[in-house]
């Protein structure tokens, strides 16, 4: 049986986010949206985002509409419902 759109739960829309420096994990958890400062402009990641590997420029990382932290630079990998960013903060 397939779920109707109005029967979806929040779990249907979350992505697992891990943001770390070489020395520590800064954030690990589930969010519905993440906005990152890409080297070619800000971009938003939602569940089932197209796979990508990208560079981050200085700027804020916004998780669920709230600024979580500012980064100097980094790299990010997105695959389906997982986002991993290695950053300098």
N, C-alpha and C. Protein backbone atom coordinates (compact mmCIF):
# COMPACT_ATOMS: atom_id res chain seq x y z
N UNK A 1 0.85 -1.18 0.00
CA UNK A 1 0.00 0.00 0.00
C UNK A 1 0.89 1.24 0.00
N UNK A 2 0.62 2.20 -0.86
CA UNK A 2 1.40 3.42 -0.90
C UNK A 2 0.75 4.49 -0.04
N UNK A 3 1.60 5.33 0.56
CA UNK A 3 1.08 6.40 1.41
C UNK A 3 0.63 7.57 0.54
N UNK A 4 -0.45 8.19 0.92
CA UNK A 4 -0.90 9.41 0.25
C UNK A 4 -0.05 10.56 0.74
N UNK A 5 0.01 11.63 -0.04
CA UNK A 5 0.83 12.78 0.34
C UNK A 5 0.46 13.32 1.71
N UNK A 6 -0.84 13.37 2.03
CA UNK A 6 -1.25 13.94 3.30
C UNK A 6 -0.99 12.98 4.48
N UNK A 7 -0.50 11.77 4.20
CA UNK A 7 -0.20 10.82 5.26
C UNK A 7 1.29 10.74 5.55
N UNK A 8 2.10 11.52 4.88
CA UNK A 8 3.54 11.49 5.11
C UNK A 8 3.86 12.03 6.50
N UNK A 9 4.90 11.48 7.08
CA UNK A 9 5.36 11.95 8.38
C UNK A 9 6.61 12.79 8.18
N UNK A 10 7.06 13.48 9.23
CA UNK A 10 8.29 14.25 9.15
C UNK A 10 9.47 13.36 8.79
N UNK A 11 9.45 12.09 9.21
CA UNK A 11 10.54 11.18 8.90
C UNK A 11 10.69 10.97 7.40
N UNK A 12 9.63 11.19 6.63
CA UNK A 12 9.70 11.05 5.18
C UNK A 12 10.50 12.17 4.52
N UNK A 13 10.75 13.23 5.24
CA UNK A 13 11.37 14.42 4.65
C UNK A 13 12.73 14.76 5.24
N UNK A 14 13.28 13.98 6.14
CA UNK A 14 14.52 14.35 6.82
C UNK A 14 15.75 13.88 6.07
N UNK A 15 16.82 14.63 6.30
CA UNK A 15 18.14 14.22 5.84
C UNK A 15 19.04 14.16 7.06
N UNK A 16 19.95 13.21 7.04
CA UNK A 16 20.90 13.08 8.14
C UNK A 16 22.12 13.94 7.80
N UNK A 17 22.44 14.87 8.70
CA UNK A 17 23.52 15.83 8.47
C UNK A 17 24.64 15.60 9.48
N UNK A 18 25.86 15.53 8.96
CA UNK A 18 27.06 15.49 9.81
C UNK A 18 27.98 16.60 9.34
N UNK A 19 28.33 17.49 10.26
CA UNK A 19 29.26 18.59 9.96
C UNK A 19 30.43 18.44 10.92
N UNK A 20 31.64 18.34 10.37
CA UNK A 20 32.80 18.10 11.22
C UNK A 20 34.02 18.87 10.74
N UNK A 21 34.92 19.08 11.68
CA UNK A 21 36.25 19.58 11.38
C UNK A 21 37.16 18.35 11.44
N UNK A 22 38.44 18.50 11.08
CA UNK A 22 39.32 17.34 11.22
C UNK A 22 39.43 16.84 12.67
N UNK A 23 39.12 17.69 13.65
CA UNK A 23 39.29 17.30 15.05
C UNK A 23 38.03 16.96 15.82
N UNK A 24 36.86 17.39 15.32
CA UNK A 24 35.65 17.15 16.10
C UNK A 24 34.39 17.22 15.23
N UNK A 25 33.33 16.62 15.74
CA UNK A 25 32.03 16.70 15.09
C UNK A 25 31.30 17.92 15.65
N UNK A 26 30.92 18.85 14.78
CA UNK A 26 30.24 20.07 15.20
C UNK A 26 28.73 19.88 15.28
N UNK A 27 28.19 19.05 14.39
CA UNK A 27 26.75 18.79 14.38
C UNK A 27 26.50 17.43 13.77
N UNK A 28 25.60 16.69 14.38
CA UNK A 28 25.13 15.44 13.80
C UNK A 28 23.67 15.30 14.18
N UNK A 29 22.81 15.18 13.19
CA UNK A 29 21.39 15.06 13.47
C UNK A 29 20.57 15.08 12.20
N UNK A 30 19.25 15.08 12.37
CA UNK A 30 18.33 15.06 11.25
C UNK A 30 17.65 16.41 11.10
N UNK A 31 17.57 16.89 9.86
CA UNK A 31 16.90 18.15 9.56
C UNK A 31 16.05 17.94 8.31
N UNK A 32 15.16 18.88 8.06
CA UNK A 32 14.35 18.79 6.84
C UNK A 32 14.97 19.58 5.69
N UNK A 33 15.84 20.56 6.00
CA UNK A 33 16.49 21.35 4.96
C UNK A 33 17.81 21.89 5.46
N UNK A 34 18.78 21.98 4.57
CA UNK A 34 20.08 22.57 4.89
C UNK A 34 20.46 23.50 3.74
N UNK A 35 20.92 24.71 4.09
CA UNK A 35 21.40 25.67 3.09
C UNK A 35 22.88 25.88 3.36
N UNK A 36 23.69 25.70 2.33
CA UNK A 36 25.15 25.79 2.47
C UNK A 36 25.72 26.83 1.53
N UNK A 37 26.86 27.45 1.94
CA UNK A 37 27.49 28.47 1.10
C UNK A 37 28.42 27.82 0.07
N UNK A 38 27.90 27.43 -1.06
CA UNK A 38 28.71 26.80 -2.10
C UNK A 38 29.65 27.79 -2.76
N UNK A 39 30.69 27.27 -3.39
CA UNK A 39 31.66 28.15 -4.04
C UNK A 39 31.05 28.90 -5.22
N UNK A 40 29.90 28.45 -5.73
CA UNK A 40 29.22 29.15 -6.83
C UNK A 40 27.88 29.74 -6.38
N UNK A 41 27.71 29.88 -5.07
CA UNK A 41 26.48 30.43 -4.53
C UNK A 41 25.84 29.49 -3.53
N UNK A 42 24.93 30.01 -2.74
CA UNK A 42 24.25 29.19 -1.74
C UNK A 42 23.37 28.15 -2.43
N UNK A 43 23.26 26.98 -1.80
CA UNK A 43 22.37 25.95 -2.33
C UNK A 43 21.68 25.24 -1.18
N UNK A 44 20.46 24.77 -1.46
CA UNK A 44 19.65 24.09 -0.46
C UNK A 44 19.63 22.59 -0.75
N UNK A 45 19.70 21.81 0.32
CA UNK A 45 19.66 20.36 0.20
C UNK A 45 18.41 19.86 0.92
N UNK A 46 17.61 19.08 0.20
CA UNK A 46 16.44 18.42 0.75
C UNK A 46 16.63 16.92 0.55
N UNK A 47 15.76 16.12 1.13
CA UNK A 47 15.86 14.68 0.97
C UNK A 47 15.79 14.31 -0.51
N UNK A 48 16.53 13.29 -0.89
CA UNK A 48 16.64 12.80 -2.26
C UNK A 48 17.28 13.81 -3.20
N UNK A 49 18.12 14.70 -2.64
CA UNK A 49 18.88 15.64 -3.47
C UNK A 49 19.77 14.84 -4.42
N UNK A 50 20.00 15.38 -5.56
CA UNK A 50 20.90 14.74 -6.53
C UNK A 50 22.29 14.63 -5.89
N UNK A 51 22.97 13.50 -6.03
CA UNK A 51 24.31 13.34 -5.44
C UNK A 51 25.26 14.44 -5.94
N UNK A 52 26.07 14.94 -5.02
CA UNK A 52 27.05 15.95 -5.40
C UNK A 52 28.21 15.97 -4.41
N UNK A 53 29.31 16.46 -4.91
CA UNK A 53 30.47 16.79 -4.07
C UNK A 53 30.80 18.22 -4.45
N UNK A 54 30.92 19.11 -3.44
CA UNK A 54 31.16 20.51 -3.75
C UNK A 54 32.06 21.19 -2.74
N UNK A 55 32.50 22.37 -3.11
CA UNK A 55 33.33 23.19 -2.25
C UNK A 55 32.47 24.22 -1.53
N UNK A 56 32.86 24.55 -0.32
CA UNK A 56 32.17 25.57 0.46
C UNK A 56 33.06 26.79 0.60
N UNK A 57 32.46 27.96 0.50
CA UNK A 57 33.15 29.24 0.69
C UNK A 57 32.78 29.78 2.07
N UNK A 58 33.40 30.86 2.51
CA UNK A 58 33.02 31.43 3.80
C UNK A 58 31.54 31.84 3.82
N UNK A 59 30.87 31.51 4.92
CA UNK A 59 29.46 31.86 5.05
C UNK A 59 28.76 30.98 6.06
N UNK A 60 27.45 31.21 6.22
CA UNK A 60 26.69 30.45 7.21
C UNK A 60 26.16 29.13 6.66
N UNK A 61 26.05 28.14 7.53
CA UNK A 61 25.30 26.92 7.25
C UNK A 61 23.99 27.07 8.01
N UNK A 62 22.89 26.95 7.29
CA UNK A 62 21.56 27.14 7.86
C UNK A 62 20.85 25.79 7.86
N UNK A 63 20.40 25.37 9.05
CA UNK A 63 19.70 24.09 9.20
C UNK A 63 18.29 24.37 9.69
N UNK A 64 17.31 23.90 8.96
CA UNK A 64 15.89 24.13 9.28
C UNK A 64 15.59 25.60 9.56
N UNK A 65 16.14 26.48 8.71
CA UNK A 65 15.84 27.89 8.78
C UNK A 65 16.60 28.68 9.83
N UNK A 66 17.50 28.04 10.57
CA UNK A 66 18.27 28.74 11.61
C UNK A 66 19.76 28.60 11.32
N UNK A 67 20.49 29.70 11.48
CA UNK A 67 21.93 29.64 11.27
C UNK A 67 22.56 28.74 12.33
N UNK A 68 23.19 27.68 11.90
CA UNK A 68 23.80 26.73 12.83
C UNK A 68 25.24 27.09 13.13
N UNK A 69 25.94 27.59 12.12
CA UNK A 69 27.35 27.95 12.30
C UNK A 69 27.83 28.68 11.06
N UNK A 70 28.98 29.30 11.19
CA UNK A 70 29.64 29.93 10.06
C UNK A 70 30.91 29.14 9.77
N UNK A 71 31.22 29.01 8.48
CA UNK A 71 32.41 28.27 8.09
C UNK A 71 33.32 29.16 7.25
N UNK A 72 34.62 28.84 7.27
CA UNK A 72 35.58 29.56 6.44
C UNK A 72 35.70 28.92 5.06
N UNK A 73 35.67 27.60 5.05
CA UNK A 73 35.69 26.84 3.80
C UNK A 73 35.49 25.38 4.12
N UNK A 74 35.32 24.58 3.09
CA UNK A 74 35.14 23.16 3.33
C UNK A 74 34.71 22.42 2.07
N UNK A 75 34.39 21.15 2.27
CA UNK A 75 33.86 20.31 1.20
C UNK A 75 32.60 19.64 1.72
N UNK A 76 31.69 19.33 0.80
CA UNK A 76 30.43 18.70 1.19
C UNK A 76 30.13 17.57 0.22
N UNK A 77 29.56 16.50 0.77
CA UNK A 77 29.10 15.36 -0.04
C UNK A 77 27.64 15.11 0.29
N UNK A 78 26.82 15.02 -0.74
CA UNK A 78 25.39 14.76 -0.56
C UNK A 78 25.04 13.51 -1.37
N UNK A 79 24.29 12.61 -0.73
CA UNK A 79 23.82 11.42 -1.43
C UNK A 79 22.49 11.01 -0.83
N UNK A 80 21.42 11.16 -1.60
CA UNK A 80 20.05 10.84 -1.18
C UNK A 80 19.68 11.56 0.11
N UNK A 81 19.68 10.88 1.24
CA UNK A 81 19.25 11.50 2.49
C UNK A 81 20.39 11.70 3.46
N UNK A 82 21.63 11.84 2.96
CA UNK A 82 22.79 12.06 3.82
C UNK A 82 23.62 13.22 3.30
N UNK A 83 24.04 14.08 4.22
CA UNK A 83 24.91 15.20 3.90
C UNK A 83 26.09 15.15 4.88
N UNK A 84 27.29 15.14 4.36
CA UNK A 84 28.49 15.17 5.21
C UNK A 84 29.34 16.34 4.75
N UNK A 85 29.70 17.22 5.70
CA UNK A 85 30.55 18.38 5.38
C UNK A 85 31.77 18.38 6.27
N UNK A 86 32.94 18.52 5.67
CA UNK A 86 34.19 18.69 6.40
C UNK A 86 34.56 20.14 6.24
N UNK A 87 34.63 20.88 7.36
CA UNK A 87 34.76 22.33 7.29
C UNK A 87 35.87 22.85 8.19
N UNK A 88 36.27 24.09 7.90
CA UNK A 88 37.05 24.91 8.83
C UNK A 88 36.10 25.95 9.37
N UNK A 89 36.00 26.02 10.69
CA UNK A 89 35.05 26.99 11.26
C UNK A 89 35.78 28.11 11.96
